[in-house]
Amino acid sequence: MTAETPAEQALARSYTTGDGAVTFDITDLSVDHHLNRSVTLTYWITVKRQGRPDERWVFTLDWEDKSFADVFTSPSPDPERLQQLVHIVRTLLEEWWDTKGYNRGSAKMGRRLS
């Protein structure tokens, strides 16, 4: 994993949900920038929950919101906007995790590796 910008570095950090129930151990992150200024984030994640076996997943998020294009690419983004971006992406990751079992759109965003 080669995180080149502060946004990529922040988005590549592992974290635990606020209730402590789930840890998203991010083992790799690929950030693909497109000509239309959209971004595709591809995460390789090990999901850890107490009392359950770890699960390895690939999760892909197509980021179409161009208002954050500068945050993704800046060598020194506004700290508040960077924090906002990280919060939104983590919220989307958690939403995917919680809904992938019954929402077809969510299910298509991830693929279980083990």
Protein backbone atom coordinates (compact mmCIF):
# COMPACT_ATOMS: atom_id res chain seq x y z
CA MET A 1 0.00 0.00 0.00
CA THR A 2 1.49 3.28 -1.09
CA ALA A 3 -0.63 6.12 0.21
CA GLU A 4 0.63 9.19 -1.58
CA THR A 5 -1.56 12.04 -0.34
CA PRO A 6 -2.72 12.93 3.17
CA ALA A 7 -6.25 11.89 2.16
CA GLU A 8 -5.06 8.48 1.00
CA GLN A 9 -3.05 8.05 4.20
CA ALA A 10 -6.05 8.97 6.37
CA LEU A 11 -8.45 6.76 4.42
CA ALA A 12 -6.04 3.81 4.64
CA ARG A 13 -6.00 3.76 8.46
CA SER A 14 -7.69 0.88 10.23
CA TYR A 15 -10.36 1.78 12.74
CA THR A 16 -12.96 0.42 15.15
CA THR A 17 -16.60 1.49 15.09
CA GLY A 18 -17.80 3.82 17.83
CA ASP A 19 -19.56 1.01 19.70
CA GLY A 20 -16.41 -1.12 19.58
CA ALA A 21 -18.26 -3.99 17.91
CA VAL A 22 -16.41 -4.08 14.57
CA THR A 23 -12.82 -3.39 13.59
CA PHE A 24 -12.03 -2.66 9.96
CA ASP A 25 -8.38 -3.67 9.61
CA ILE A 26 -7.43 -2.11 6.29
CA THR A 27 -4.64 -4.10 4.70
CA ASP A 28 -4.56 -2.20 1.41
CA LEU A 29 -6.22 0.72 -0.35
CA SER A 30 -6.17 1.53 -4.05
CA VAL A 31 -7.26 5.00 -5.14
CA ASP A 32 -8.01 5.40 -8.84
CA HIS A 33 -8.51 8.94 -10.10
CA HIS A 34 -10.62 9.35 -13.24
CA LEU A 35 -10.57 12.08 -15.89
CA ASN A 36 -14.00 13.34 -14.77
CA ARG A 37 -12.50 13.95 -11.27
CA SER A 38 -14.38 11.03 -9.71
CA VAL A 39 -12.45 8.51 -7.63
CA THR A 40 -12.74 4.77 -7.08
CA LEU A 41 -11.61 3.53 -3.67
CA THR A 42 -10.85 -0.18 -3.41
CA TYR A 43 -10.25 -1.51 0.09
CA TRP A 44 -8.82 -4.86 1.13
CA ILE A 45 -10.17 -5.31 4.64
CA THR A 46 -10.13 -7.83 7.42
CA VAL A 47 -13.29 -7.40 9.47
CA LYS A 48 -12.87 -8.39 13.11
CA ARG A 49 -15.71 -8.99 15.58
CA GLN A 50 -15.41 -10.42 19.05
CA GLY A 51 -16.39 -14.08 19.23
CA ARG A 52 -16.55 -14.48 15.45
CA PRO A 53 -13.97 -15.54 12.88
CA ASP A 54 -12.23 -12.76 10.97
CA GLU A 55 -13.52 -12.15 7.46
CA ARG A 56 -11.46 -10.83 4.55
CA TRP A 57 -13.22 -8.65 1.99
CA VAL A 58 -12.61 -6.42 -1.01
CA PHE A 59 -14.87 -3.35 -0.92
CA THR A 60 -15.16 -0.89 -3.82
CA LEU A 61 -16.62 2.59 -3.43
CA ASP A 62 -17.20 4.73 -6.50
CA TRP A 63 -16.87 8.32 -5.28
CA GLU A 64 -18.69 10.65 -7.67
CA ASP A 65 -18.75 13.73 -5.38
CA LYS A 66 -16.37 16.11 -7.12
CA SER A 67 -16.58 18.65 -4.30
CA PHE A 68 -13.89 16.63 -2.51
CA ALA A 69 -11.57 16.30 -5.54
CA ASP A 70 -9.18 18.86 -4.06
CA VAL A 71 -9.07 16.99 -0.74
CA PHE A 72 -8.13 13.74 -2.49
CA THR A 73 -5.26 15.33 -4.42
CA SER A 74 -3.93 18.13 -2.21
CA PRO A 75 -0.54 17.71 -0.53
CA SER A 76 -1.96 19.81 2.31
CA PRO A 77 -5.78 19.62 2.45
CA ASP A 78 -7.88 21.64 4.85
CA PRO A 79 -7.88 19.50 8.04
CA GLU A 80 -11.61 19.95 8.65
CA ARG A 81 -12.53 18.89 5.11
CA LEU A 82 -10.15 15.93 5.32
CA GLN A 83 -11.78 14.83 8.57
CA GLN A 84 -15.19 15.23 6.92
CA LEU A 85 -14.14 13.08 3.96
CA VAL A 86 -12.79 10.33 6.20
CA HIS A 87 -15.98 10.37 8.28
CA ILE A 88 -18.21 10.09 5.19
CA VAL A 89 -16.18 7.24 3.66
CA ARG A 90 -16.15 5.33 6.95
CA THR A 91 -19.89 5.82 7.31
CA LEU A 92 -20.40 4.40 3.81
CA LEU A 93 -18.11 1.46 4.63
CA GLU A 94 -20.09 0.70 7.79
CA GLU A 95 -23.40 1.07 5.92
CA TRP A 96 -22.17 -1.43 3.33
CA TRP A 97 -21.16 -3.84 6.07
CA ASP A 98 -24.53 -3.56 7.81
CA THR A 99 -26.66 -3.87 4.64
CA LYS A 100 -24.74 -6.18 2.32
CA GLY A 101 -26.81 -9.20 3.37
CA TYR A 102 -30.12 -7.83 2.13
CA ASN A 103 -29.44 -4.87 -0.17
CA ARG A 104 -28.38 -5.87 -3.69
CA GLY A 105 -26.66 -2.54 -4.31
CA SER A 106 -24.59 -2.93 -1.19
CA ALA A 107 -23.86 -6.58 -1.92
CA LYS A 108 -22.33 -5.66 -5.29
CA MET A 109 -19.83 -3.33 -3.61
CA GLY A 110 -18.03 -6.13 -1.77
CA ARG A 111 -16.61 -9.56 -2.36
CA ARG A 112 -15.66 -11.95 0.39
CA LEU A 113 -12.17 -13.41 0.12
CA SER A 114 -12.34 -15.83 3.03
